[in-house]
Amino acid sequence: MDIAAMSTMLSQGKIMQQANLSVMKMAMDSAQNSGQMIKDLADTAKIMEQSVNPHLGKNIDIQL
């Protein structure tokens, strides 16, 4: 195999590796954004539940 062909193959390998890394970073960012949105949704649901039933969880009935 000559030097030019080997150089071309190495260059293509580097480009493929960079493309794979970019796709992986995009997937990680997407997963992080999805996780943050789920957390925000859960927080919103908790706030809405407390606004509908503000008295729940404030008192404990204990009889001995």
N, C-alpha and C. Protein backbone atom coordinates (compact mmCIF):
# COMPACT_ATOMS: atom_id res chain seq x y z
N MET A 1 0.85 -1.17 0.00
CA MET A 1 0.00 0.00 0.00
C MET A 1 0.90 1.24 0.00
N ASP A 2 0.59 2.20 -0.84
CA ASP A 2 1.44 3.37 -0.91
C ASP A 2 1.07 4.42 0.15
N ILE A 3 1.91 5.40 0.31
CA ILE A 3 1.77 6.42 1.35
C ILE A 3 0.51 7.25 1.13
N ALA A 4 0.19 7.60 -0.11
CA ALA A 4 -0.99 8.44 -0.40
C ALA A 4 -2.27 7.72 0.01
N ALA A 5 -2.38 6.45 -0.30
CA ALA A 5 -3.58 5.69 0.06
C ALA A 5 -3.71 5.56 1.57
N MET A 6 -2.56 5.32 2.23
CA MET A 6 -2.58 5.19 3.68
C MET A 6 -2.99 6.52 4.34
N SER A 7 -2.47 7.61 3.81
CA SER A 7 -2.81 8.93 4.33
C SER A 7 -4.31 9.21 4.16
N THR A 8 -4.85 8.85 3.01
CA THR A 8 -6.27 9.05 2.75
C THR A 8 -7.12 8.22 3.72
N MET A 9 -6.71 7.00 3.95
CA MET A 9 -7.46 6.14 4.88
C MET A 9 -7.42 6.69 6.30
N LEU A 10 -6.27 7.17 6.74
CA LEU A 10 -6.16 7.74 8.07
C LEU A 10 -7.02 9.00 8.20
N SER A 11 -7.00 9.82 7.16
CA SER A 11 -7.80 11.04 7.17
C SER A 11 -9.29 10.70 7.24
N GLN A 12 -9.73 9.73 6.47
CA GLN A 12 -11.13 9.32 6.50
C GLN A 12 -11.51 8.74 7.86
N GLY A 13 -10.58 8.00 8.47
CA GLY A 13 -10.83 7.45 9.80
C GLY A 13 -11.01 8.54 10.84
N LYS A 14 -10.17 9.59 10.75
CA LYS A 14 -10.29 10.71 11.68
C LYS A 14 -11.62 11.42 11.50
N ILE A 15 -12.03 11.62 10.25
CA ILE A 15 -13.30 12.29 9.97
C ILE A 15 -14.47 11.46 10.51
N MET A 16 -14.43 10.16 10.32
CA MET A 16 -15.49 9.29 10.84
C MET A 16 -15.54 9.35 12.36
N GLN A 17 -14.38 9.36 13.00
CA GLN A 17 -14.33 9.43 14.45
C GLN A 17 -14.90 10.76 14.95
N GLN A 18 -14.56 11.86 14.28
CA GLN A 18 -15.09 13.17 14.66
C GLN A 18 -16.60 13.23 14.47
N ALA A 19 -17.09 12.64 13.39
CA ALA A 19 -18.54 12.62 13.15
C ALA A 19 -19.24 11.79 14.22
N ASN A 20 -18.69 10.64 14.57
CA ASN A 20 -19.29 9.81 15.62
C ASN A 20 -19.30 10.54 16.95
N LEU A 21 -18.23 11.25 17.26
CA LEU A 21 -18.15 11.99 18.51
C LEU A 21 -19.19 13.11 18.54
N SER A 22 -19.36 13.79 17.41
CA SER A 22 -20.36 14.87 17.33
C SER A 22 -21.78 14.32 17.53
N VAL A 23 -22.07 13.20 16.93
CA VAL A 23 -23.40 12.60 17.09
C VAL A 23 -23.62 12.17 18.53
N MET A 24 -22.59 11.62 19.17
CA MET A 24 -22.71 11.21 20.57
C MET A 24 -22.93 12.41 21.48
N LYS A 25 -22.24 13.52 21.22
CA LYS A 25 -22.44 14.73 22.01
C LYS A 25 -23.87 15.25 21.86
N MET A 26 -24.38 15.21 20.63
CA MET A 26 -25.76 15.66 20.41
C MET A 26 -26.74 14.77 21.15
N ALA A 27 -26.50 13.47 21.15
CA ALA A 27 -27.38 12.54 21.87
C ALA A 27 -27.32 12.78 23.36
N MET A 28 -26.14 13.04 23.89
CA MET A 28 -26.00 13.32 25.32
C MET A 28 -26.71 14.62 25.70
N ASP A 29 -26.58 15.65 24.88
CA ASP A 29 -27.26 16.92 25.14
C ASP A 29 -28.77 16.73 25.10
N SER A 30 -29.24 15.95 24.15
CA SER A 30 -30.67 15.68 24.04
C SER A 30 -31.19 14.93 25.27
N ALA A 31 -30.44 13.95 25.73
CA ALA A 31 -30.84 13.20 26.91
C ALA A 31 -30.84 14.09 28.14
N GLN A 32 -29.86 14.97 28.25
CA GLN A 32 -29.80 15.88 29.39
C GLN A 32 -30.99 16.85 29.37
N ASN A 33 -31.32 17.37 28.19
CA ASN A 33 -32.47 18.27 28.07
C ASN A 33 -33.77 17.55 28.40
N SER A 34 -33.89 16.31 27.96
CA SER A 34 -35.10 15.54 28.27
C SER A 34 -35.23 15.30 29.76
N GLY A 35 -34.13 14.98 30.41
CA GLY A 35 -34.14 14.77 31.86
C GLY A 35 -34.53 16.03 32.60
N GLN A 36 -34.02 17.16 32.16
CA GLN A 36 -34.36 18.43 32.80
C GLN A 36 -35.84 18.76 32.61
N MET A 37 -36.36 18.48 31.41
CA MET A 37 -37.78 18.74 31.16
C MET A 37 -38.67 17.85 32.03
N ILE A 38 -38.28 16.59 32.22
CA ILE A 38 -39.05 15.68 33.06
C ILE A 38 -39.03 16.17 34.51
N LYS A 39 -37.87 16.63 34.98
CA LYS A 39 -37.76 17.15 36.34
C LYS A 39 -38.64 18.38 36.50
N ASP A 40 -38.61 19.29 35.53
CA ASP A 40 -39.45 20.48 35.59
C ASP A 40 -40.93 20.13 35.58
N LEU A 41 -41.30 19.14 34.80
CA LEU A 41 -42.69 18.70 34.74
C LEU A 41 -43.13 18.12 36.08
N ALA A 42 -42.27 17.34 36.71
CA ALA A 42 -42.60 16.77 38.02
C ALA A 42 -42.74 17.88 39.07
N ASP A 43 -41.87 18.87 39.02
CA ASP A 43 -41.96 20.00 39.95
C ASP A 43 -43.27 20.76 39.74
N THR A 44 -43.63 20.97 38.48
CA THR A 44 -44.87 21.68 38.16
C THR A 44 -46.08 20.89 38.65
N ALA A 45 -46.05 19.59 38.47
CA ALA A 45 -47.17 18.75 38.92
C ALA A 45 -47.30 18.82 40.44
N LYS A 46 -46.20 18.84 41.15
CA LYS A 46 -46.24 18.92 42.61
C LYS A 46 -46.81 20.27 43.06
N ILE A 47 -46.40 21.33 42.40
CA ILE A 47 -46.92 22.67 42.73
C ILE A 47 -48.41 22.75 42.44
N MET A 48 -48.85 22.17 41.31
CA MET A 48 -50.27 22.19 40.98
C MET A 48 -51.07 21.39 41.99
N GLU A 49 -50.56 20.24 42.43
CA GLU A 49 -51.27 19.43 43.41
C GLU A 49 -51.42 20.18 44.73
N GLN A 50 -50.39 20.88 45.14
CA GLN A 50 -50.46 21.63 46.38
C GLN A 50 -51.40 22.81 46.26
N SER A 51 -51.53 23.40 45.08
CA SER A 51 -52.43 24.53 44.92
C SER A 51 -53.89 24.07 44.93
N VAL A 52 -54.15 22.85 44.46
CA VAL A 52 -55.52 22.32 44.45
C VAL A 52 -55.92 21.84 45.85
N ASN A 53 -55.00 21.19 46.55
CA ASN A 53 -55.27 20.68 47.89
C ASN A 53 -54.21 21.20 48.87
N PRO A 54 -54.29 22.49 49.23
CA PRO A 54 -53.23 23.06 50.06
C PRO A 54 -53.24 22.52 51.50
N HIS A 55 -54.35 21.95 51.93
CA HIS A 55 -54.45 21.47 53.31
C HIS A 55 -53.83 20.09 53.51
N LEU A 56 -53.58 19.35 52.43
CA LEU A 56 -53.04 17.99 52.57
C LEU A 56 -51.60 18.03 53.08
N GLY A 57 -51.33 17.19 54.06
CA GLY A 57 -49.98 17.06 54.59
C GLY A 57 -49.63 18.04 55.66
N LYS A 58 -50.58 18.86 56.08
CA LYS A 58 -50.29 19.88 57.11
C LYS A 58 -50.54 19.36 58.52
N ASN A 59 -51.49 18.46 58.68
CA ASN A 59 -51.88 17.97 60.00
C ASN A 59 -51.79 16.46 60.06
N ILE A 60 -51.50 15.96 61.28
CA ILE A 60 -51.46 14.53 61.52
C ILE A 60 -52.41 14.25 62.67
N ASP A 61 -53.34 13.32 62.48
CA ASP A 61 -54.26 12.92 63.56
C ASP A 61 -53.63 11.77 64.33
N ILE A 62 -53.42 11.98 65.62
CA ILE A 62 -52.83 10.95 66.47
C ILE A 62 -53.73 10.75 67.68
N GLN A 63 -54.10 9.51 67.93
CA GLN A 63 -54.88 9.20 69.13
C GLN A 63 -54.14 8.09 69.87
N LEU A 64 -54.04 8.28 71.18
CA LEU A 64 -53.39 7.27 72.00
C LEU A 64 -54.40 6.58 72.87
